[in-house]
Amino acid sequence: MSKQAETTEMRVAFHGDDPCIDARLVAQAFALTPEQVMAGLRDGAITTLTERGSGADAGRWRLTFFHDNCRLRLIVDETGTILQRSRIDFGETPLPPAMRRPGD
């Protein structure tokens, strides 16, 4: 099975209300190794934003990861199924501050 297929089939696990994402999923999006992802989370090179849906989005979560000038966003349902995945890379340009705000 290819790495792309492996990460496509990955799901997000929940421990109580806390989502747990396999580092390989984030690693693929940022062209890193899972070990680099874990180190980046520890040292602040990779930051996260977790939002729980309400109203029409109840039962969904928006999980956002930031690294350098890139943003990875996952929309998942309560079963951990990834419904939507998007990645924005601004290249040499820093991410605009609005890209780091909840709901944007």
Protein backbone atom coordinates (compact mmCIF):
# COMPACT_ATOMS: atom_id res chain seq x y z
CA MET A 1 0.00 0.00 0.00
CA SER A 2 1.35 3.45 -0.87
CA LYS A 3 1.95 6.15 1.73
CA GLN A 4 -0.80 8.24 0.10
CA ALA A 5 -3.29 5.38 0.45
CA GLU A 6 -2.25 4.78 4.06
CA THR A 7 -2.84 8.38 5.09
CA THR A 8 -6.05 8.64 3.06
CA GLU A 9 -7.52 5.77 5.06
CA MET A 10 -6.37 7.14 8.43
CA ARG A 11 -8.93 8.26 10.94
CA VAL A 12 -8.77 10.59 13.89
CA ALA A 13 -9.19 8.89 17.27
CA PHE A 14 -10.85 10.61 20.21
CA HIS A 15 -9.80 10.22 23.81
CA GLY A 16 -12.73 11.82 25.59
CA ASP A 17 -13.05 15.19 23.88
CA ASP A 18 -9.43 15.24 22.75
CA PRO A 19 -8.65 14.33 19.13
CA CYS A 20 -5.56 12.20 18.51
CA ILE A 21 -4.07 12.37 15.01
CA ASP A 22 -1.48 9.96 13.64
CA ALA A 23 1.73 11.94 13.08
CA ARG A 24 2.07 10.33 9.62
CA LEU A 25 -0.96 12.28 8.41
CA VAL A 26 0.56 15.61 9.40
CA ALA A 27 4.02 14.52 8.24
CA GLN A 28 2.78 13.82 4.73
CA ALA A 29 1.14 17.25 4.45
CA PHE A 30 4.28 19.09 5.57
CA ALA A 31 6.85 16.81 3.85
CA LEU A 32 8.30 15.80 7.22
CA THR A 33 8.88 12.54 9.04
CA PRO A 34 6.55 11.57 11.90
CA GLU A 35 9.50 12.09 14.25
CA GLN A 36 9.94 15.64 12.95
CA VAL A 37 6.23 16.28 13.49
CA MET A 38 6.43 15.14 17.11
CA ALA A 39 9.54 17.25 17.71
CA GLY A 40 7.88 20.24 16.03
CA LEU A 41 4.83 19.93 18.26
CA ARG A 42 7.05 19.79 21.33
CA ASP A 43 9.23 22.77 20.39
CA GLY A 44 6.48 24.95 18.91
CA ALA A 45 7.59 24.73 15.25
CA ILE A 46 4.19 23.13 14.57
CA THR A 47 1.18 24.67 16.27
CA THR A 48 -2.44 23.58 16.32
CA LEU A 49 -5.95 24.92 16.62
CA THR A 50 -8.84 22.62 17.53
CA GLU A 51 -12.45 23.73 17.06
CA ARG A 52 -15.59 21.80 17.93
CA GLY A 53 -18.58 22.37 15.66
CA SER A 54 -21.87 23.74 16.92
CA GLY A 55 -25.27 24.32 15.37
CA ALA A 56 -25.24 23.00 11.80
CA ASP A 57 -21.68 21.73 12.38
CA ALA A 58 -22.44 19.85 15.62
CA GLY A 59 -20.63 16.51 15.65
CA ARG A 60 -17.78 17.84 13.52
CA TRP A 61 -14.33 19.05 14.46
CA ARG A 62 -11.95 21.36 12.60
CA LEU A 63 -8.31 20.48 13.31
CA THR A 64 -5.75 22.94 11.99
CA PHE A 65 -1.96 22.58 11.95
CA PHE A 66 0.52 25.34 11.14
CA HIS A 67 4.14 24.83 10.08
CA ASP A 68 6.35 27.48 8.51
CA ASN A 69 4.19 29.12 5.83
CA CYS A 70 1.75 26.21 5.50
CA ARG A 71 -1.62 25.38 7.00
CA LEU A 72 -3.20 21.91 7.09
CA ARG A 73 -6.89 21.72 7.98
CA LEU A 74 -8.89 18.57 8.63
CA ILE A 75 -12.66 18.45 9.08
CA VAL A 76 -13.67 15.24 10.85
CA ASP A 77 -16.91 13.80 12.14
CA GLU A 78 -17.55 12.31 15.57
CA THR A 79 -16.44 8.87 14.35
CA GLY A 80 -13.05 10.24 13.32
CA THR A 81 -13.72 10.02 9.59
CA ILE A 82 -11.87 12.73 7.69
CA LEU A 83 -14.53 14.54 5.68
CA GLN A 84 -12.35 17.24 4.22
CA ARG A 85 -8.63 17.93 4.02
CA SER A 86 -7.03 21.12 2.75
CA ARG A 87 -3.48 22.41 2.65
CA ILE A 88 -2.40 25.93 1.86
CA ASP A 89 1.26 26.72 1.20
CA PHE A 90 2.23 30.37 0.89
CA GLY A 91 5.75 29.47 -0.21
CA GLU A 92 8.17 32.24 0.76
CA THR A 93 5.36 34.51 2.00
CA PRO A 94 4.34 34.18 5.66
CA LEU A 95 0.80 33.05 6.35
CA PRO A 96 -1.49 36.06 6.72
CA PRO A 97 -2.61 36.51 10.36
CA ALA A 98 -6.22 35.89 9.32
CA MET A 99 -5.25 32.32 8.33
CA ARG A 100 -4.46 31.58 11.98
CA ARG A 101 -7.82 32.69 13.37
CA PRO A 102 -10.58 30.25 14.32
CA GLY A 103 -13.23 29.85 11.66
CA ASP A 104 -11.20 31.30 8.79
